Amino acid sequence: MPRVLAEARSPVDMCLVEYDRSRGEDIFLSYVWDRREGPPTHRTGDGAPYMELIGSAPGRYTQHPFGLRLGTWLIREDLRAAELEDALRNRDMAVRERRSDEDTDVLDRTIQELSGVSAHDAVFRNRMPHHALLGQQGCGDLTMNYWNVACVQGPMASSAGSEPVLVALRDEPLEWRTYSCLVKWKACGASNGSLTIEQVQFRHPSQTRDANEIAWVRYRGRALPRARSIEFAVSNQQVIREGRLVPVGALCHQFGDIRHLIEMPNLNIARALHAGEAARPGGGFLPRLFFSRPQYDPVWFGEKAFLDDEGRNFLRAALGGPVLVGFPPGPDEALLRGGLVSAGYREISDPLAVLRPGEWRFIRQSQSVTQVEIYFRRNTYGWTMIGLSQDRTKLFCLATKGVPGRTGYRLEEAAELLRGAGAWDALLIDEGADTFHSLWDGNEWRDLVKRDRSRMRAVFLFATGGKERGPTSGPETGESIKETLK
C-alpha cells in the first residue's frame, strides 16, 4: 500500500504520498477522450475567464462553473448522485432568482448528461480489469490550459489500440515549444515501465509521416521520435530539477493564470471601496464599469498588463521588485486606492522610499498621466505536484489547498516540501480548485486533500496488479530507451 508521508489540516489541507514502483505500485493517466483538443479556458485580464460553450452554436461562450465542466467525466462513479443533486439544486435556484437563459440551459444540459457520462475510475476498471486502484490525484490543466500536452498509448488512450494519441489544444503552438514531461515508458514483460522526466517536443499527426513522430524525446542534444515507446508523456512546469528548485522566473512564462504566482488586488469587490462611493440603484456596488463595460466578476489589478506581455518579461520583473502599472479603464484614484487598501496593500507617500512586497504609491508622470508603482506580493495557492526519487523507484505525490492571499504555500514552498521528501525531479501538475488526493482504503475512498469538484478532464490513477501482461515489441523500458538513443 502507498505510504502517507505527511498529512495536515493546518495551515491548509496537505498530504504527501509515496508510491513504491518496486512493489508494483503504478501510475496511469486518464483523460476525457472527447475533450482531447479542448476547448481551452481563455483569460484576457479585462474580465472573467471564459470558454467556448460545448455543443452550442459558434460564438457562444460560458463562464458558468457547470458550463466549464460540460462533456467532462466524473472523477469517480460514486460521485454521480451528489453531482446530480447539486445541479438540480442550482437549477431550482436559477429559476427562483430568474437568472439568464444561459444559466438554466447549462444546468439543464448538465442534468441531462449526468445520467450517462463516464467516470475515470469506471473507465480504468473496464480497460484495466486485472489492476486494483490505490489512489487518484488531479491533472486538470490538461486540455484546459496552454502549455499542457500529452501523448498517450495503450489501454487508457481513446483509441485503445497500438497507435499513440496526441492530447493537445487545437491551437497549441507545438512546433515552437519544448515541454517538461513525466514520461512513463512502455512496460517490458511483467514489470512496470520506468518513469523519467524528460524534455519532449510534440508534433500534430497531420505533420508527421509516422505516429512515432508525435513525441520527440531529447537525449544528449538530439530529439528522437519515441511516441511508440511511451505509454504516456504529460507536460507541465518542472519545479525540481536534479535535486534543486527551479527558479520561478525560469518557468513563469508557462503559466496562463498569473494569480497562481502574483497576489493581484481585486478592484471589484461587493462592498464600497471608499467612503464616497455611491451604491447602485436598488442597493449594492456591483456592477462597476471596467474596460468600458459593467462587470460583476473580479477585476484583478495588473492582470491585463501581465497577459498582454506575451514574453512575460513584465511578470519576471514583478516577481523580483516593484513595477509601474497603468490605470485600467474605469476607476479613478479613489476607487483604485480603495481596492489596493482593501487587499491589504500599504500606500507609501515617500516618493523615494524603496518599496517592499505589499507596498505601492501613485507616480505622477505628467499633468494627465498617473501610474501605480507596486511591489506585488507572491500568492499562496492550491497545488498538486508529482516527483521522482533519484533512482526513479519512488513516486512522490503532493496535494495541498490554499486560500489565495491569506494562507497556504507559495509555489517554491510547496516544491520544497516535495524535495524534502526525496524528490529529485518534479513537475507542477495542477493548481486551485482541481487539487485533491484520494486513497482507497479497501472499503471506500478517503480524501486526504478534499475535492472541490466532482468532474475533471484528466486525472492520475494509481494502481497495482497486471502481472499477467505479456511482452511488447521493441524497446520498452526507460533504460532500454536510453540505450537506443545513444
Protein backbone atom coordinates (compact mmCIF):
# COMPACT_ATOMS: atom_id res chain seq x y z
CA MET A 1 0.00 0.00 0.00
CA PRO A 2 1.16 3.59 -0.58
CA ARG A 3 2.80 5.38 2.34
CA VAL A 4 1.34 8.64 3.62
CA LEU A 5 4.49 10.58 4.44
CA ALA A 6 2.68 13.69 5.69
CA GLU A 7 -0.90 14.77 6.25
CA ALA A 8 -2.01 18.08 7.75
CA ARG A 9 -5.05 20.30 8.20
CA SER A 10 -3.14 23.44 9.21
CA PRO A 11 -2.40 25.94 7.82
CA VAL A 12 -4.28 24.21 4.96
CA ASP A 13 -5.09 20.66 3.91
CA MET A 14 -1.90 18.98 2.68
CA CYS A 15 -0.71 15.44 2.01
CA LEU A 16 2.46 13.79 0.75
CA VAL A 17 2.06 10.24 -0.53
CA GLU A 18 4.78 7.85 -1.69
CA TYR A 19 4.08 5.11 -4.24
CA ASP A 20 6.80 2.45 -4.48
CA ARG A 21 7.11 1.17 -8.02
CA SER A 22 9.41 -1.64 -6.91
CA ARG A 23 6.37 -3.07 -5.09
CA GLY A 24 4.23 -2.88 -8.21
CA GLU A 25 2.52 0.42 -7.38
CA ASP A 26 1.97 2.07 -10.74
CA ILE A 27 0.66 5.31 -12.27
CA PHE A 28 -1.78 5.77 -15.16
CA LEU A 29 -3.17 8.81 -16.96
CA SER A 30 -6.89 9.02 -17.68
CA TYR A 31 -8.32 11.81 -19.86
CA VAL A 32 -11.71 12.61 -21.36
CA TRP A 33 -11.43 11.30 -24.90
CA ASP A 34 -13.89 13.75 -26.47
CA ARG A 35 -12.09 16.72 -24.89
CA ARG A 36 -8.58 15.84 -26.03
CA GLU A 37 -8.42 19.05 -28.14
CA GLY A 38 -10.14 21.32 -25.62
CA PRO A 39 -11.79 23.80 -25.72
CA PRO A 40 -9.42 25.85 -23.53
CA THR A 41 -10.06 28.43 -20.85
CA HIS A 42 -9.43 31.95 -22.19
CA ARG A 43 -8.02 34.72 -20.00
CA THR A 44 -7.73 38.32 -21.20
CA GLY A 45 -7.41 40.28 -17.94
CA ASP A 46 -10.30 42.62 -18.79
CA GLY A 47 -13.00 40.31 -17.40
CA ALA A 48 -13.68 36.84 -16.07
CA PRO A 49 -12.18 33.74 -17.77
CA TYR A 50 -14.46 32.13 -20.34
CA MET A 51 -14.69 29.04 -22.53
CA GLU A 52 -16.42 28.11 -25.74
CA LEU A 53 -19.77 26.51 -24.82
CA ILE A 54 -19.50 22.86 -25.82
CA GLY A 55 -22.23 21.65 -28.14
CA SER A 56 -23.52 25.14 -28.94
CA ALA A 57 -23.59 27.43 -31.97
CA PRO A 58 -20.30 29.15 -32.91
CA GLY A 59 -19.56 32.25 -30.88
CA ARG A 60 -21.32 31.13 -27.71
CA TYR A 61 -19.19 31.17 -24.56
CA THR A 62 -19.71 30.37 -20.90
CA GLN A 63 -18.31 31.45 -17.56
CA HIS A 64 -20.69 29.23 -15.58
CA PRO A 65 -18.92 26.68 -13.30
CA PHE A 66 -21.12 23.85 -14.62
CA GLY A 67 -20.69 25.10 -18.19
CA LEU A 68 -16.92 24.78 -17.88
CA ARG A 69 -17.40 21.09 -16.97
CA LEU A 70 -19.84 20.08 -19.72
CA GLY A 71 -18.69 16.93 -21.50
CA THR A 72 -16.31 16.10 -18.65
CA TRP A 73 -16.13 12.76 -16.83
CA LEU A 74 -16.79 12.26 -13.15
CA ILE A 75 -13.68 11.69 -11.07
CA ARG A 76 -15.36 8.63 -9.57
CA GLU A 77 -18.59 6.77 -10.16
CA ASP A 78 -19.69 7.18 -6.52
CA LEU A 79 -19.88 10.98 -7.02
CA ARG A 80 -22.64 10.85 -9.64
CA ALA A 81 -25.63 11.17 -7.29
CA ALA A 82 -24.16 14.12 -5.36
CA GLU A 83 -23.21 15.95 -8.56
CA LEU A 84 -26.72 15.47 -9.94
CA GLU A 85 -28.24 16.71 -6.69
CA ASP A 86 -26.01 19.80 -6.79
CA ALA A 87 -27.01 20.53 -10.40
CA LEU A 88 -30.71 20.16 -9.59
CA ARG A 89 -30.37 22.47 -6.59
CA ASN A 90 -28.63 25.11 -8.71
CA ARG A 91 -31.29 24.73 -11.42
CA ASP A 92 -34.09 25.37 -8.91
CA MET A 93 -32.22 28.40 -7.56
CA ALA A 94 -31.67 29.79 -11.07
CA VAL A 95 -35.40 29.54 -11.80
CA ARG A 96 -36.38 31.19 -8.49
CA GLU A 97 -33.92 34.04 -9.00
CA ARG A 98 -34.85 34.43 -12.68
CA ARG A 99 -31.30 34.12 -13.87
CA SER A 100 -30.30 34.25 -17.52
CA ASP A 101 -31.38 31.65 -20.06
CA GLU A 102 -27.69 30.67 -20.36
CA ASP A 103 -27.62 29.60 -16.70
CA THR A 104 -30.70 27.42 -16.97
CA ASP A 105 -29.58 25.99 -20.33
CA VAL A 106 -26.18 24.99 -18.91
CA LEU A 107 -27.78 23.39 -15.87
CA ASP A 108 -30.41 21.56 -17.93
CA ARG A 109 -27.69 20.12 -20.15
CA THR A 110 -25.63 19.13 -17.11
CA ILE A 111 -28.58 17.29 -15.56
CA GLN A 112 -29.30 15.53 -18.84
CA GLU A 113 -25.75 14.30 -19.43
CA LEU A 114 -25.03 13.21 -15.84
CA SER A 115 -27.12 10.07 -16.26
CA GLY A 116 -24.74 8.73 -18.88
CA VAL A 117 -21.39 10.49 -18.50
CA SER A 118 -18.40 8.23 -17.80
CA ALA A 119 -16.24 8.21 -14.66
CA HIS A 120 -12.44 7.96 -14.67
CA ASP A 121 -12.33 5.10 -12.17
CA ALA A 122 -15.01 3.12 -14.05
CA VAL A 123 -13.19 3.54 -17.37
CA PHE A 124 -9.98 2.38 -15.72
CA ARG A 125 -11.61 -0.72 -14.22
CA ASN A 126 -13.12 -1.57 -17.58
CA ARG A 127 -9.89 -1.06 -19.51
CA MET A 128 -7.56 -2.49 -16.83
CA PRO A 129 -9.59 -5.28 -15.16
CA HIS A 130 -6.57 -7.01 -13.58
CA HIS A 131 -5.47 -3.90 -11.65
CA ALA A 132 -6.63 -2.72 -8.24
CA LEU A 133 -6.96 1.02 -7.69
CA LEU A 134 -4.91 2.60 -4.89
CA GLY A 135 -5.37 6.34 -5.34
CA GLN A 136 -6.26 9.33 -7.50
CA GLN A 137 -4.83 12.80 -8.00
CA GLY A 138 -5.93 15.67 -10.23
CA CYS A 139 -4.40 16.56 -13.61
CA GLY A 140 -6.93 19.22 -14.51
CA ASP A 141 -4.68 21.53 -16.56
CA LEU A 142 -4.56 19.03 -19.43
CA THR A 143 -6.85 20.17 -22.30
CA MET A 144 -7.92 23.23 -20.25
CA ASN A 145 -4.77 25.38 -20.43
CA TYR A 146 -1.99 26.09 -22.88
CA TRP A 147 1.49 24.64 -22.25
CA ASN A 148 -0.21 21.35 -21.28
CA VAL A 149 0.20 18.49 -23.76
CA ALA A 150 0.23 14.69 -23.60
CA CYS A 151 0.94 11.69 -25.79
CA VAL A 152 -0.94 8.54 -24.69
CA GLN A 153 -0.80 4.99 -25.96
CA GLY A 154 -2.30 1.73 -24.79
CA PRO A 155 -5.44 0.78 -22.85
CA MET A 156 -6.16 4.27 -21.45
CA ALA A 157 -5.90 6.02 -24.82
CA SER A 158 -9.08 6.95 -26.66
CA SER A 159 -8.29 4.51 -29.45
CA ALA A 160 -7.27 1.73 -27.01
CA GLY A 161 -5.07 0.50 -29.81
CA SER A 162 -1.41 0.45 -30.67
CA GLU A 163 -1.13 3.95 -32.17
CA PRO A 164 -0.13 6.93 -29.98
CA VAL A 165 -2.73 9.66 -29.45
CA LEU A 166 -1.88 13.36 -29.12
CA VAL A 167 -3.77 15.25 -26.40
CA ALA A 168 -3.41 18.99 -27.01
CA LEU A 169 -5.44 22.12 -27.59
CA ARG A 170 -6.22 22.71 -31.26
CA ASP A 171 -4.13 25.88 -31.46
CA GLU A 172 -1.31 24.89 -29.11
CA PRO A 173 1.90 26.08 -30.91
CA LEU A 174 3.61 22.70 -30.71
CA GLU A 175 6.31 23.46 -33.26
CA TRP A 176 7.75 26.31 -31.16
CA ARG A 177 7.82 24.71 -27.73
CA THR A 178 9.75 22.14 -25.74
CA TYR A 179 7.89 20.67 -22.77
CA SER A 180 9.00 19.16 -19.46
CA CYS A 181 7.15 15.84 -19.27
CA LEU A 182 6.57 12.99 -16.88
CA VAL A 183 7.20 10.03 -19.18
CA LYS A 184 6.04 6.51 -18.48
CA TRP A 185 7.83 4.18 -20.85
CA LYS A 186 6.07 1.09 -22.12
CA ALA A 187 6.27 -1.97 -19.91
CA CYS A 188 8.60 -4.86 -20.56
CA GLY A 189 7.21 -8.28 -19.76
CA ALA A 190 5.63 -8.44 -16.30
CA SER A 191 7.36 -5.33 -14.95
CA ASN A 192 6.05 -1.78 -14.97
CA GLY A 193 7.64 0.59 -17.46
CA SER A 194 10.10 3.02 -15.94
CA LEU A 195 9.33 6.67 -15.19
CA THR A 196 11.50 9.63 -16.14
CA ILE A 197 11.13 13.38 -16.54
CA GLU A 198 12.28 14.41 -20.00
CA GLN A 199 12.35 17.29 -22.44
CA VAL A 200 9.81 16.43 -25.14
CA GLN A 201 8.72 18.08 -28.37
CA PHE A 202 5.37 17.19 -29.93
CA ARG A 203 4.04 17.21 -33.47
CA HIS A 204 0.45 17.08 -34.67
CA PRO A 205 -0.36 13.80 -36.51
CA SER A 206 -1.11 15.81 -39.67
CA GLN A 207 2.52 16.97 -39.69
CA THR A 208 4.11 13.53 -39.27
CA ARG A 209 4.90 10.69 -41.63
CA ASP A 210 4.54 8.12 -38.88
CA ALA A 211 2.76 8.04 -35.50
CA ASN A 212 6.13 7.51 -33.80
CA GLU A 213 6.93 11.16 -34.67
CA ILE A 214 4.15 12.59 -32.46
CA ALA A 215 6.56 12.72 -29.49
CA TRP A 216 10.30 13.50 -29.78
CA VAL A 217 12.41 12.92 -26.66
CA ARG A 218 15.62 14.93 -26.29
CA TYR A 219 18.75 12.96 -25.41
CA ARG A 220 22.29 14.38 -25.46
CA GLY A 221 21.20 17.38 -27.50
CA ARG A 222 19.22 15.37 -30.06
CA ALA A 223 15.47 14.98 -30.42
CA LEU A 224 14.48 11.47 -31.48
CA PRO A 225 10.97 10.13 -32.26
CA ARG A 226 9.80 7.85 -29.46
CA ALA A 227 5.98 8.02 -29.33
CA ARG A 228 5.58 4.26 -29.80
CA SER A 229 7.88 3.58 -26.86
CA ILE A 230 5.78 5.71 -24.49
CA GLU A 231 2.69 4.73 -22.53
CA PHE A 232 2.18 8.38 -21.68
CA ALA A 233 4.10 11.64 -21.62
CA VAL A 234 2.32 14.53 -19.91
CA SER A 235 3.72 18.03 -19.57
CA ASN A 236 3.74 20.84 -17.05
CA GLN A 237 6.17 23.17 -15.30
CA GLN A 238 9.28 21.49 -13.86
CA VAL A 239 9.69 22.76 -10.30
CA ILE A 240 12.58 20.48 -9.22
CA ARG A 241 15.47 19.55 -11.49
CA GLU A 242 18.25 17.23 -10.29
CA GLY A 243 17.53 17.91 -6.63
CA ARG A 244 17.30 21.71 -6.88
CA LEU A 245 14.32 24.03 -7.03
CA VAL A 246 13.87 25.66 -10.42
CA PRO A 247 13.70 29.49 -10.09
CA VAL A 248 10.18 30.71 -10.70
CA GLY A 249 11.43 33.23 -13.25
CA ALA A 250 12.60 30.36 -15.43
CA LEU A 251 9.13 28.88 -15.77
CA CYS A 252 6.66 31.75 -15.18
CA HIS A 253 6.04 32.10 -18.94
CA GLN A 254 4.28 28.73 -18.85
CA PHE A 255 1.51 30.00 -16.54
CA GLY A 256 -1.77 31.09 -18.07
CA ASP A 257 -3.31 32.15 -14.76
CA ILE A 258 -0.99 34.78 -13.26
CA ARG A 259 -2.86 34.64 -9.93
CA HIS A 260 -1.01 31.42 -9.18
CA LEU A 261 2.17 33.44 -8.77
CA ILE A 262 1.16 37.05 -8.04
CA GLU A 263 -1.36 38.32 -5.48
CA MET A 264 -3.26 40.87 -7.54
CA PRO A 265 -5.80 43.08 -5.71
CA ASN A 266 -9.43 42.61 -6.73
CA LEU A 267 -10.80 46.03 -7.72
CA ASN A 268 -14.40 44.81 -7.99
CA ILE A 269 -15.39 43.60 -4.53
CA ALA A 270 -19.04 43.68 -3.50
CA ARG A 271 -18.67 46.36 -0.81
CA ALA A 272 -17.80 50.05 -1.05
CA LEU A 273 -14.17 50.74 -1.95
CA HIS A 274 -14.09 54.22 -0.41
CA ALA A 275 -16.34 56.44 1.68
CA GLY A 276 -17.58 58.47 -1.27
CA GLU A 277 -18.62 55.57 -3.49
CA ALA A 278 -22.37 55.59 -4.06
CA ALA A 279 -24.38 52.39 -4.15
CA ARG A 280 -26.13 51.37 -7.35
CA PRO A 281 -29.89 51.81 -7.74
CA GLY A 282 -31.50 49.03 -5.76
CA GLY A 283 -28.51 48.73 -3.43
CA GLY A 284 -25.08 47.18 -3.74
CA PHE A 285 -21.95 48.34 -5.52
CA LEU A 286 -21.89 45.94 -8.46
CA PRO A 287 -21.60 46.16 -11.36
CA ARG A 288 -18.77 48.66 -11.71
CA LEU A 289 -17.59 49.99 -15.04
CA PHE A 290 -14.25 48.47 -16.06
CA PHE A 291 -12.82 48.26 -19.57
CA SER A 292 -15.88 50.10 -20.94
CA ARG A 293 -18.49 47.64 -19.70
CA PRO A 294 -20.34 46.86 -16.45
CA GLN A 295 -18.72 43.97 -14.57
CA TYR A 296 -19.87 41.77 -11.70
CA ASP A 297 -16.86 39.46 -11.65
CA PRO A 298 -13.47 40.14 -10.06
CA VAL A 299 -11.16 42.52 -11.92
CA TRP A 300 -7.57 41.85 -10.90
CA PHE A 301 -5.29 44.87 -10.87
CA GLY A 302 -2.40 44.31 -13.26
CA GLU A 303 -3.72 41.08 -14.80
CA LYS A 304 -4.29 42.54 -18.27
CA ALA A 305 -0.81 44.10 -18.29
CA PHE A 306 0.72 40.73 -17.42
CA LEU A 307 -1.29 38.83 -20.04
CA ASP A 308 -0.71 41.38 -22.80
CA ASP A 309 3.05 40.90 -22.42
CA GLU A 310 3.50 37.67 -24.39
CA GLY A 311 7.13 37.31 -23.39
CA ARG A 312 6.21 37.54 -19.70
CA ASN A 313 9.12 39.92 -19.05
CA PHE A 314 6.78 42.20 -17.12
CA LEU A 315 5.88 39.23 -14.90
CA ARG A 316 9.53 38.35 -14.41
CA ALA A 317 10.19 41.92 -13.28
CA ALA A 318 7.21 41.87 -10.89
CA LEU A 319 8.45 38.65 -9.28
CA GLY A 320 11.64 40.42 -8.21
CA GLY A 321 10.73 44.02 -7.47
CA PRO A 322 8.32 46.95 -7.93
CA VAL A 323 6.81 47.71 -11.36
CA LEU A 324 4.76 50.52 -12.87
CA VAL A 325 1.16 49.68 -13.81
CA GLY A 326 -1.21 51.99 -15.64
CA PHE A 327 -4.79 52.63 -14.54
CA PRO A 328 -7.22 50.12 -16.06
CA PRO A 329 -10.05 51.90 -17.94
CA GLY A 330 -12.79 52.81 -15.48
CA PRO A 331 -11.55 53.51 -11.95
CA ASP A 332 -10.38 56.85 -10.60
CA GLU A 333 -7.69 57.32 -7.94
CA ALA A 334 -10.16 56.96 -5.07
CA LEU A 335 -11.53 53.65 -6.29
CA LEU A 336 -8.08 52.33 -7.16
CA ARG A 337 -6.74 53.30 -3.74
CA GLY A 338 -9.72 51.62 -2.09
CA GLY A 339 -9.14 48.39 -3.99
CA LEU A 340 -5.45 48.27 -3.14
CA VAL A 341 -6.03 49.05 0.54
CA SER A 342 -8.89 46.54 0.78
CA ALA A 343 -6.50 43.86 -0.49
CA GLY A 344 -4.04 44.67 2.30
CA TYR A 345 -1.56 46.64 0.20
CA ARG A 346 0.07 49.57 2.04
CA GLU A 347 0.35 53.02 0.45
CA ILE A 348 3.74 54.72 0.73
CA SER A 349 3.85 58.51 0.43
CA ASP A 350 7.64 58.94 0.26
CA PRO A 351 8.45 59.11 -3.49
CA LEU A 352 12.00 57.82 -2.98
CA ALA A 353 11.46 55.11 -0.37
CA VAL A 354 12.42 51.62 -1.50
CA LEU A 355 9.19 49.64 -1.82
CA ARG A 356 8.87 46.28 -0.15
CA PRO A 357 6.47 43.46 -1.07
CA GLY A 358 2.91 44.60 -0.43
CA GLU A 359 3.61 48.35 -0.82
CA TRP A 360 2.58 50.84 -3.52
CA ARG A 361 2.33 54.54 -4.39
CA PHE A 362 0.95 56.79 -7.10
CA ILE A 363 3.55 58.11 -9.57
CA ARG A 364 2.68 61.30 -11.48
CA GLN A 365 4.18 61.05 -14.93
CA SER A 366 2.60 64.26 -16.27
CA GLN A 367 -0.38 66.54 -15.78
CA SER A 368 -2.67 63.89 -17.26
CA VAL A 369 -0.88 60.58 -16.60
CA THR A 370 -0.65 58.81 -13.26
CA GLN A 371 0.61 55.27 -12.74
CA VAL A 372 0.85 52.93 -9.78
CA GLU A 373 4.26 51.73 -8.63
CA ILE A 374 3.61 48.49 -6.80
CA TYR A 375 5.63 45.63 -5.38
CA PHE A 376 3.25 42.70 -5.78
CA ARG A 377 3.19 40.04 -3.11
CA ARG A 378 3.66 36.42 -4.10
CA ASN A 379 0.45 34.43 -3.86
CA THR A 380 -0.44 31.32 -1.91
CA TYR A 381 -2.44 28.76 -3.85
CA GLY A 382 -3.53 25.14 -4.03
CA TRP A 383 -1.04 22.83 -5.77
CA THR A 384 -0.58 19.25 -6.89
CA MET A 385 2.88 18.04 -7.85
CA ILE A 386 4.47 14.72 -8.80
CA GLY A 387 8.13 13.91 -8.19
CA LEU A 388 10.54 11.03 -8.72
CA SER A 389 13.32 9.81 -6.48
CA GLN A 390 16.82 9.88 -7.94
CA ASP A 391 16.67 6.13 -8.70
CA ARG A 392 13.10 6.60 -10.08
CA THR A 393 11.66 3.80 -7.96
CA LYS A 394 9.65 6.13 -5.71
CA LEU A 395 6.83 8.35 -6.90
CA PHE A 396 6.04 11.30 -4.59
CA CYS A 397 2.64 12.98 -4.83
CA LEU A 398 1.94 16.30 -3.14
CA ALA A 399 -1.52 17.85 -2.87
CA THR A 400 -2.30 21.00 -0.93
CA LYS A 401 -5.09 23.52 -0.69
CA GLY A 402 -4.55 27.26 -0.35
CA VAL A 403 -6.53 30.42 0.30
CA PRO A 404 -5.14 32.98 -2.18
CA GLY A 405 -3.54 35.90 -0.39
CA ARG A 406 -4.29 34.51 3.05
CA THR A 407 -2.83 31.10 3.87
CA GLY A 408 -1.16 28.10 2.28
CA TYR A 409 2.06 27.67 0.32
CA ARG A 410 3.77 29.65 -2.39
CA LEU A 411 4.97 27.65 -5.37
CA GLU A 412 8.55 27.25 -4.14
CA GLU A 413 7.39 26.41 -0.60
CA ALA A 414 5.21 23.59 -1.91
CA ALA A 415 8.04 22.31 -4.13
CA GLU A 416 10.38 22.35 -1.14
CA LEU A 417 8.00 20.00 0.71
CA LEU A 418 8.32 17.58 -2.18
CA ARG A 419 12.09 17.96 -2.38
CA GLY A 420 12.37 17.35 1.35
CA ALA A 421 10.51 14.06 0.92
CA GLY A 422 13.15 12.87 -1.55
CA ALA A 423 12.03 14.13 -4.97
CA TRP A 424 14.98 14.55 -7.35
CA ASP A 425 12.89 15.77 -10.28
CA ALA A 426 9.30 17.00 -10.11
CA LEU A 427 6.54 18.68 -12.10
CA LEU A 428 3.79 21.00 -11.01
CA ILE A 429 0.63 19.27 -12.23
CA ASP A 430 -2.38 21.33 -11.19
CA GLU A 431 -3.50 24.37 -9.20
CA GLY A 432 -6.52 25.86 -7.46
CA ALA A 433 -9.85 24.11 -7.08
CA ASP A 434 -8.76 20.98 -9.00
CA THR A 435 -6.24 19.93 -6.34
CA PHE A 436 -7.00 16.74 -4.42
CA HIS A 437 -5.57 13.34 -3.49
CA SER A 438 -7.68 10.32 -2.58
CA LEU A 439 -6.74 6.85 -1.35
CA TRP A 440 -8.76 3.64 -1.49
CA ASP A 441 -8.61 2.00 1.96
CA GLY A 442 -10.11 -1.30 0.85
CA ASN A 443 -13.69 -0.29 1.60
CA GLU A 444 -14.13 3.32 0.50
CA TRP A 445 -12.32 6.35 -0.86
CA ARG A 446 -10.63 8.62 1.67
CA ASP A 447 -9.86 12.18 0.62
CA LEU A 448 -6.51 13.17 2.12
CA VAL A 449 -6.97 16.54 0.43
CA LYS A 450 -10.65 17.12 -0.24
CA ARG A 451 -12.05 17.60 -3.71
CA ASP A 452 -13.76 20.88 -4.62
CA ARG A 453 -15.06 19.42 -7.88
CA SER A 454 -16.57 16.11 -8.92
CA ARG A 455 -15.69 16.27 -12.62
CA MET A 456 -12.32 16.76 -14.30
CA ARG A 457 -10.92 16.35 -17.80
CA ALA A 458 -7.88 14.38 -16.65
CA VAL A 459 -6.70 12.55 -13.53
CA PHE A 460 -3.83 10.33 -12.49
CA LEU A 461 -4.79 6.90 -11.19
CA PHE A 462 -2.52 4.77 -9.03
CA ALA A 463 -2.97 1.01 -9.04
CA THR A 464 -1.30 -2.31 -8.50
CA GLY A 465 -1.56 -5.61 -10.35
CA GLY A 466 -1.39 -6.56 -14.00
CA LYS A 467 1.40 -9.12 -13.64
CA GLU A 468 -0.13 -11.19 -16.42
CA ARG A 469 0.89 -8.72 -19.10
CA GLY A 470 2.92 -10.21 -21.88
CA PRO A 471 5.97 -8.67 -23.54
CA THR A 472 5.53 -5.98 -26.13
CA SER A 473 7.63 -5.39 -29.19
CA GLY A 474 10.55 -3.01 -29.49
CA PRO A 475 12.43 -1.08 -26.83
CA GLU A 476 10.07 -0.64 -23.88
CA THR A 477 11.71 0.31 -20.59
CA GLY A 478 13.29 3.66 -19.89
CA GLU A 479 16.73 2.07 -19.58
CA SER A 480 16.46 0.27 -22.92
CA ILE A 481 15.22 3.51 -24.49
CA LYS A 482 18.35 5.25 -23.23
CA GLU A 483 20.42 2.54 -24.88
CA THR A 484 18.68 3.01 -28.22
CA LEU A 485 19.11 6.79 -28.02
CA LYS A 486 22.89 6.55 -27.75
